[in-house]
Protein backbone atom coordinates (compact mmCIF):
# COMPACT_ATOMS: atom_id res chain seq x y z
CA MET A 1 104.57 107.88 -62.39
CA ILE A 2 104.48 110.66 -64.88
CA LEU A 3 101.50 110.63 -67.53
CA GLU A 4 101.49 112.71 -70.88
CA GLY A 5 97.62 112.40 -71.36
CA ASP A 6 97.05 108.71 -71.22
CA ALA A 7 100.91 107.50 -71.64
CA VAL A 8 103.48 106.91 -69.03
CA ALA A 9 106.01 109.30 -69.80
CA ALA A 10 108.23 108.26 -66.86
CA ALA A 11 107.77 105.58 -63.93
CA LEU A 12 110.39 104.85 -61.06
CA SER A 13 109.90 103.00 -57.83
CA VAL A 14 112.13 102.46 -55.15
CA GLY A 15 111.42 100.97 -51.77
CA THR A 16 111.90 103.14 -48.43
CA ARG A 17 110.02 100.65 -45.98
CA LEU A 18 107.92 103.63 -44.39
CA GLY A 19 105.90 101.10 -42.50
CA SER A 20 109.11 99.21 -41.19
CA GLY A 21 108.70 98.52 -37.75
CA LEU A 22 105.83 100.11 -37.33
CA GLY A 23 103.02 99.05 -34.73
CA ASP A 24 99.72 99.59 -34.58
CA ASP A 25 99.76 102.64 -32.56
CA GLY A 26 103.27 103.59 -33.27
CA ASN A 27 105.18 106.30 -35.16
CA LEU A 28 107.16 106.21 -38.38
CA ASP A 29 110.63 104.99 -37.90
CA PRO A 30 113.04 107.77 -38.09
CA ALA A 31 115.55 106.39 -40.40
CA ALA A 32 112.76 105.16 -42.84
CA ARG A 33 111.07 108.52 -42.59
CA GLU A 34 114.20 110.04 -43.88
CA ARG A 35 114.96 107.91 -46.71
CA THR A 36 111.61 108.30 -47.89
CA LEU A 37 111.73 112.29 -47.52
CA ALA A 38 115.18 111.62 -49.48
CA THR A 39 113.34 110.01 -52.30
CA ILE A 40 110.71 112.49 -52.65
CA ARG A 41 113.01 115.32 -53.06
CA GLU A 42 114.46 113.08 -55.90
CA TYR A 43 111.10 112.43 -57.54
CA ALA A 44 110.22 116.32 -57.20
CA ALA A 45 113.10 117.35 -58.94
CA ALA A 46 112.56 114.84 -61.71
CA ILE A 47 108.96 116.18 -62.13
CA ARG A 48 109.94 119.65 -62.13
CA ALA A 49 112.34 118.90 -65.26
CA ARG A 50 109.40 117.91 -66.97
CA GLY A 51 107.17 120.93 -65.59
CA ALA A 52 104.60 118.55 -64.33
CA THR A 53 101.93 119.33 -62.09
CA VAL A 54 102.01 116.87 -59.07
CA ASP A 55 99.77 114.99 -56.46
CA VAL A 56 100.86 112.40 -53.45
CA ILE A 57 98.90 109.92 -51.89
CA ALA A 58 99.74 107.63 -49.39
CA THR A 59 98.71 103.95 -47.99
CA SER A 60 99.21 101.78 -44.74
CA ALA A 61 101.75 103.29 -43.21
CA LEU A 62 100.20 106.85 -42.86
CA ARG A 63 96.97 104.74 -42.34
CA ARG A 64 98.53 103.90 -38.75
CA ALA A 65 101.20 106.28 -37.95
CA ASN A 66 100.22 108.34 -34.93
CA ASP A 67 102.54 111.12 -37.00
CA ALA A 68 101.29 110.90 -40.37
CA ALA A 69 100.19 114.40 -39.95
CA ALA A 70 103.67 115.78 -39.13
CA PHE A 71 105.04 113.47 -42.06
CA GLY A 72 102.67 114.94 -44.48
CA ALA A 73 103.55 118.25 -43.37
CA ALA A 74 107.27 118.03 -44.15
CA VAL A 75 106.54 116.06 -47.65
CA GLY A 76 104.19 118.91 -48.60
CA ALA A 77 107.32 121.30 -47.80
CA ILE A 78 108.78 119.35 -50.74
CA VAL A 79 106.64 118.79 -53.25
CA SER A 80 103.81 121.89 -52.69
CA ILE A 81 100.96 119.34 -51.37
CA ALA A 82 100.57 117.53 -48.36
CA PRO A 83 99.67 113.44 -49.11
CA ARG A 84 96.24 112.46 -49.65
CA VAL A 85 95.71 109.31 -47.06
CA LEU A 86 93.73 106.67 -48.84
CA SER A 87 91.33 104.29 -47.08
CA GLY A 88 92.13 100.89 -47.82
CA GLU A 89 88.77 100.61 -49.96
CA GLU A 90 90.23 103.64 -52.07
CA GLU A 91 93.52 102.09 -52.59
CA ALA A 92 91.53 99.03 -53.96
CA VAL A 93 89.51 101.17 -56.43
CA TYR A 94 92.67 102.60 -57.49
CA SER A 95 94.42 99.22 -58.45
CA PHE A 96 91.22 97.76 -59.94
CA ALA A 97 90.91 100.83 -62.29
CA GLY A 98 94.96 101.19 -62.99
CA ALA A 99 94.61 97.40 -64.10
CA THR A 100 91.52 97.25 -65.93
CA TRP A 101 92.06 100.50 -68.01
CA GLY A 102 90.64 99.71 -71.38
CA THR A 103 89.12 97.03 -70.45
CA ARG A 104 86.29 95.97 -72.56
CA SER A 105 85.06 92.79 -71.26
CA PRO A 106 81.43 91.20 -69.67
CA GLY A 107 83.24 89.57 -67.36
CA ARG A 108 84.25 89.71 -63.74
CA ILE A 109 87.82 90.69 -62.90
CA GLY A 110 89.50 90.75 -59.47
CA VAL A 111 92.76 92.56 -58.95
CA LEU A 112 94.68 91.98 -55.88
CA ASP A 113 97.39 94.39 -54.85
CA VAL A 114 99.86 92.98 -52.35
CA GLY A 115 101.59 95.74 -50.70
CA GLY A 116 103.89 96.05 -47.97
CA GLY A 117 101.32 96.67 -45.12
CA SER A 118 98.09 95.66 -46.43
CA THR A 119 96.63 93.83 -49.34
CA GLU A 120 93.67 94.98 -51.36
CA LEU A 121 91.03 93.14 -53.35
CA ALA A 122 88.56 94.58 -55.74
CA VAL A 123 85.91 92.26 -57.91
CA GLY A 124 83.83 94.08 -60.64
CA THR A 125 83.41 94.68 -64.27
CA SER A 126 85.22 96.88 -67.02
CA ALA A 127 81.42 98.92 -66.37
CA ALA A 128 81.76 99.10 -62.32
CA ILE A 129 83.15 97.76 -59.08
CA GLU A 130 81.30 95.44 -57.20
CA ARG A 131 83.04 94.84 -54.48
CA THR A 132 86.44 95.77 -52.20
CA MET A 133 88.25 94.93 -49.49
CA SER A 134 91.52 96.00 -47.43
CA LEU A 135 93.09 93.60 -45.38
CA GLU A 136 95.75 94.43 -42.75
CA ILE A 137 98.79 92.13 -44.20
CA GLY A 138 101.76 92.75 -46.13
CA ALA A 139 104.84 91.53 -47.10
CA VAL A 140 106.60 93.81 -44.68
CA ARG A 141 104.43 93.10 -41.85
CA LEU A 142 104.30 88.86 -42.95
CA SER A 143 108.46 89.05 -42.64
CA GLU A 144 108.37 91.14 -39.21
CA ARG A 145 106.11 88.37 -37.91
CA HIS A 146 108.26 85.69 -39.45
CA PRO A 147 111.79 87.02 -39.58
CA ALA A 148 113.41 83.58 -40.84
CA LEU A 149 111.42 84.38 -44.13
CA LEU A 150 113.93 87.48 -44.71
CA GLY A 151 116.86 84.98 -45.73
CA GLY A 152 119.15 85.36 -42.26
CA ARG A 153 120.26 81.92 -43.32
CA ALA A 154 119.51 79.33 -46.30
CA LEU A 155 116.84 76.75 -45.14
CA ASP A 156 116.64 73.22 -45.75
CA ALA A 157 113.57 71.65 -47.07
CA ALA A 158 112.28 70.54 -43.65
CA ALA A 159 112.84 74.02 -42.31
CA CYS A 160 111.31 75.45 -45.47
CA ALA A 161 107.93 73.63 -45.15
CA ALA A 162 107.47 74.52 -41.67
CA LEU A 163 108.10 78.18 -41.71
CA VAL A 164 106.00 78.37 -45.14
CA ALA A 165 103.30 76.66 -43.48
CA GLY A 166 103.26 78.58 -40.45
CA ALA A 167 103.27 81.86 -42.33
CA ARG A 168 100.99 81.01 -44.61
CA ALA A 169 98.57 79.95 -42.12
CA ASP A 170 98.65 82.97 -40.26
CA ALA A 171 98.30 85.19 -43.49
CA ALA A 172 95.19 83.22 -44.14
CA THR A 173 93.67 84.25 -40.82
CA VAL A 174 93.83 87.75 -41.80
CA LEU A 175 92.67 86.77 -45.42
CA ALA A 176 89.98 84.61 -44.37
CA PRO A 177 87.13 87.46 -45.38
CA LEU A 178 88.17 87.03 -49.14
CA THR A 179 86.11 84.03 -48.81
CA ALA A 180 83.11 86.19 -48.95
CA PHE A 181 83.67 87.36 -52.86
CA GLU A 182 81.76 85.46 -55.37
CA ARG A 183 83.49 83.45 -57.63
CA PHE A 184 85.83 85.06 -60.56
CA ALA A 185 87.52 83.50 -62.90
CA ASP A 186 89.97 86.46 -64.46
CA LEU A 187 92.67 87.82 -61.46
CA ARG A 188 95.06 90.46 -62.30
CA ALA A 189 97.25 91.33 -59.67
CA VAL A 190 99.36 94.40 -59.48
CA GLY A 191 102.43 95.52 -56.76
CA GLY A 192 106.31 95.14 -56.03
CA THR A 193 105.95 91.33 -55.47
CA VAL A 194 104.13 89.99 -58.54
CA PHE A 195 106.05 92.83 -60.76
CA THR A 196 109.34 90.94 -59.15
CA VAL A 197 108.31 87.69 -59.93
CA ALA A 198 106.88 88.28 -63.78
CA ALA A 199 110.69 89.79 -64.32
CA MET A 200 111.98 86.90 -63.10
CA LEU A 201 109.74 84.05 -65.39
CA ALA A 202 109.61 86.01 -68.59
CA GLY A 203 113.24 87.41 -68.21
CA ASP A 204 112.12 90.63 -68.72
CA PRO A 205 110.70 93.65 -66.23
CA ASN A 206 108.54 95.40 -68.79
CA ARG A 207 106.72 92.60 -70.15
CA ASP A 208 102.88 93.39 -69.13
CA GLY A 209 100.50 90.01 -68.49
CA VAL A 210 102.67 87.47 -67.54
CA ARG A 211 100.64 84.61 -66.38
CA ILE A 212 101.81 82.84 -62.90
CA THR A 213 100.62 79.70 -61.53
CA ARG A 214 100.24 78.34 -58.00
CA ASP A 215 103.08 75.36 -58.93
CA GLU A 216 105.40 78.48 -60.09
CA TRP A 217 104.83 80.86 -57.08
CA ARG A 218 105.22 77.74 -54.75
CA ARG A 219 108.25 76.56 -56.48
CA LEU A 220 110.06 80.14 -56.27
CA ILE A 221 109.01 80.65 -52.58
CA ASP A 222 111.00 77.15 -51.94
CA GLU A 223 113.83 78.53 -54.17
CA LEU A 224 114.01 81.72 -52.43
CA LEU A 225 113.94 80.27 -48.80
CA ALA A 226 116.72 78.02 -49.69
CA ARG A 227 119.25 81.29 -50.36
CA ASP A 228 120.17 83.46 -47.63
CA LEU A 229 119.55 87.23 -48.51
CA THR A 230 123.00 87.54 -50.12
CA ALA A 231 122.19 85.09 -52.50
CA ARG A 232 118.97 86.09 -53.51
CA ARG A 233 120.13 89.53 -54.16
CA ALA A 234 122.11 88.13 -56.89
CA MET A 235 119.46 86.23 -59.08
CA ALA A 236 118.29 87.89 -61.87
CA HIS A 237 115.73 90.56 -62.08
CA ILE A 238 115.40 90.70 -58.25
CA ARG A 239 116.54 94.09 -56.97
CA PRO A 240 118.02 94.36 -53.52
CA GLN A 241 115.57 96.25 -51.69
CA ARG A 242 112.87 93.36 -52.87
CA ALA A 243 114.90 90.13 -51.86
CA ASP A 244 114.13 89.72 -48.43
CA ILE A 245 110.53 90.41 -48.45
CA LEU A 246 109.74 88.63 -51.43
CA PRO A 247 108.80 85.30 -49.90
CA ALA A 248 106.47 86.76 -47.66
CA GLY A 249 104.92 88.34 -50.55
CA LEU A 250 104.67 85.37 -52.31
CA VAL A 251 102.94 83.70 -49.48
CA ILE A 252 100.42 86.16 -49.08
CA VAL A 253 99.54 85.60 -52.74
CA ASP A 254 99.30 82.16 -52.07
CA ALA A 255 97.15 82.39 -48.90
CA ALA A 256 95.11 84.84 -50.98
CA CYS A 257 94.41 82.88 -53.96
CA GLU A 258 93.64 79.49 -52.05
CA LEU A 259 90.96 81.19 -50.30
CA LEU A 260 89.58 82.46 -53.79
CA ARG A 261 89.93 78.90 -55.17
CA ILE A 262 91.82 80.85 -57.97
CA ASP A 263 95.26 78.53 -59.37
CA ALA A 264 96.31 81.33 -61.44
CA LEU A 265 96.70 85.03 -61.84
CA ARG A 266 98.24 87.79 -64.76
CA VAL A 267 100.36 90.91 -63.88
CA SER A 268 99.50 94.31 -65.06
CA HIS A 269 102.00 96.97 -64.80
CA ALA A 270 99.32 99.31 -64.43
CA ASP A 271 98.72 100.01 -61.06
CA LEU A 272 97.26 102.05 -58.34
CA LEU A 273 99.03 104.71 -59.36
CA ALA A 274 97.88 104.76 -62.74
CA GLY A 275 94.31 104.56 -61.68
CA TYR A 276 94.70 107.31 -59.38
CA LEU A 277 96.08 109.89 -62.02
CA ARG A 278 93.59 109.23 -64.42
CA SER A 279 90.88 110.11 -61.98
CA PRO A 280 89.16 112.79 -61.18
CA ALA A 281 90.49 112.71 -57.64
CA TYR A 282 94.05 113.72 -58.77
CA ARG A 283 94.50 117.51 -57.74
CA ALA A 284 96.99 118.74 -59.96
CA ALA A 285 98.96 120.85 -57.83
CA ALA A 286 102.10 123.27 -59.03
CA LEU A 287 105.24 122.71 -57.46
CA THR A 288 107.30 125.31 -56.45
CA ALA A 289 110.24 126.78 -57.79
CA SER A 290 112.88 124.98 -56.00
CA PRO A 291 112.85 122.18 -53.61
CA PRO A 292 113.92 122.98 -49.63
């Protein structure tokens, strides 16, 4: 994401699955590592072309990886600065800041961020955050624990119901601490899962503020699981890189909202990156003359 003042001048998201196959004490998968570095080289070229300063942040995968420092050094060689590895709580704070930017509301707001490796929730008002939480479940990790979600084959109604029940219960076990949050009515959501669903429902990938109800995301889970991966990728507004893990992301959304006693959410395109770029934490490094 590139900002000029407060306006978004450019934004691009490429899923490289940096955390795929990463155990709690493991190293980054070599192929995922190289995919990610290749994408960062492309990003660096785009940033350099605009003459922008740069910062890099990392989340769940580098919080868990044994070789996070070595990977950070490789990133630093490309963009002149090693990634700042955010804690889960910091991730929640910046997602909240992005999704509530410009909000002037006295009511309490929650911001849910379902990522690949973790899920964050922050609750507060436009004036101050009251509480944050980061939990170790995301769309990639839940898919790895329930591989049938990935679309290896289309499922009939009975198999779909059994799979979703098991995956939802698994996710709910990890997400159970969300019940400690006091009730709030305004839930906003960020991340690739809800961005994709919003585009599918609205028919427009750029429409902000799309409202998604529990009935809609549950219906979509069933529709996705009734298709194999090839058929999912043919559906409008689903990126090929998202088609396999989208059901798992929606199961996490469903489990989280059930625990929070919320039946609908609104999607915000202003997310973690928007919140971080506008924050005092942004380090504004100058890129080297040319990428290595």
